Amino acid sequence: MLPSHGRYDYHPWPGRPAYAWPGGARLAVYLGLNLEHFAFGQGLGAELAPGANGGGGPQPDVLNYAWRDYGNRVGAWRVLELLEELDLPATVLLNSAMYDYAPQLVAAHRARGDEIAGHGRTNSERQNMMNEAAEAQLIAEATAAIAAAEGAAPRGWLSPWIAESAFTPDLLAEAGYRYTLNWCADDQPIWLRTRREGRLLAIPYPQEVNDIPSIVARKDGAERFAAMIEADFLERLRQVRDGRPQVMGIALHPYLIGQPYRLRALRRALAAVVARREEVWITTAGAILDHVLTLPEGTVP
């Protein structure tokens, strides 16, 4: 037998129960907007050009740090304007360091009622590089910062770099989290087993319709990424005619998608989704959790 994570069992797609999202919709669509802050001169971060100073030189890596910081200074505000223009909610995946660095940006999302979910302290670190006690402290610090600012603890979590240790789902459940976005194993929410606190809902978070693997890793252009969103949406609308609901996430990072030429392409793709608003449920990850909790036991695998 191969080693197993032991978190969930295999459930083949055919034969799963049919159920609906609110309003009878079969397709739920949410935006996962990553607001991230990075340490200067150390730690991890996506790169416009590989290596410090674009050529493997020593830190500080001004080029890549400043490119990422553009997202918080400019790109995220342009994305906010687009969300308002199209009347779209968002699940904000928040590094807690943003409260100190760019509190006005977080406040703008709070004012429009967006969901705030945990996304670690900073994307300069990874949970799977820590021992269990240090990881628990990371989760506790990020959670406390959000609870203090928002008046309630976050219910959902996305690990920085989607990096988990063997204990991450357990630690999240023990810290009061109800859902995780780390596991991209399905098109529906599924339950994960945890060691002491029952279970944690895994809500699909995309690793395909996601601007980092698309634009940074695969070097897709703005038009290609926008076309990917539209194609994914239209194909899922076709598939859900079989009665089995799906979740479509769209993962966005303002330092990428907030660049003007990419934002223009994104506007067209999201407008195509909004044009079919009456056929789908445009929502947040937290609202997906709430609906799942109303379903009869056993409906969600």
Foldseek 3Di string as FASTA:
>chain_A
DDDDLQWDDDDDPPPADFDADPPRFQEEEAEEEEDFAADFQAFDDFAPAPDACNPPDHDRRVRRNVLQVCLLVFLLVVVVVLCVVLVAAHEYAYQLCCCVVPVVSVVSNVVVPHHYAYAWNHLRDFLQVDDPVVSLVRVVVRQVSCCVVNVHGHQEYQYRVLHDHSQVQQSCLVVPHAEYQSDQPDFAWAWTQYDPNGIHIHAHDDPVLACCCQCRVVVDDLLVSLVVLQVVVVVQLVVCVVRNGGYHYHYDYRSPCSPVVSVVSNSVSVVSVSVCCSNYHRDYPVVSSVRVVVDPPPSHD
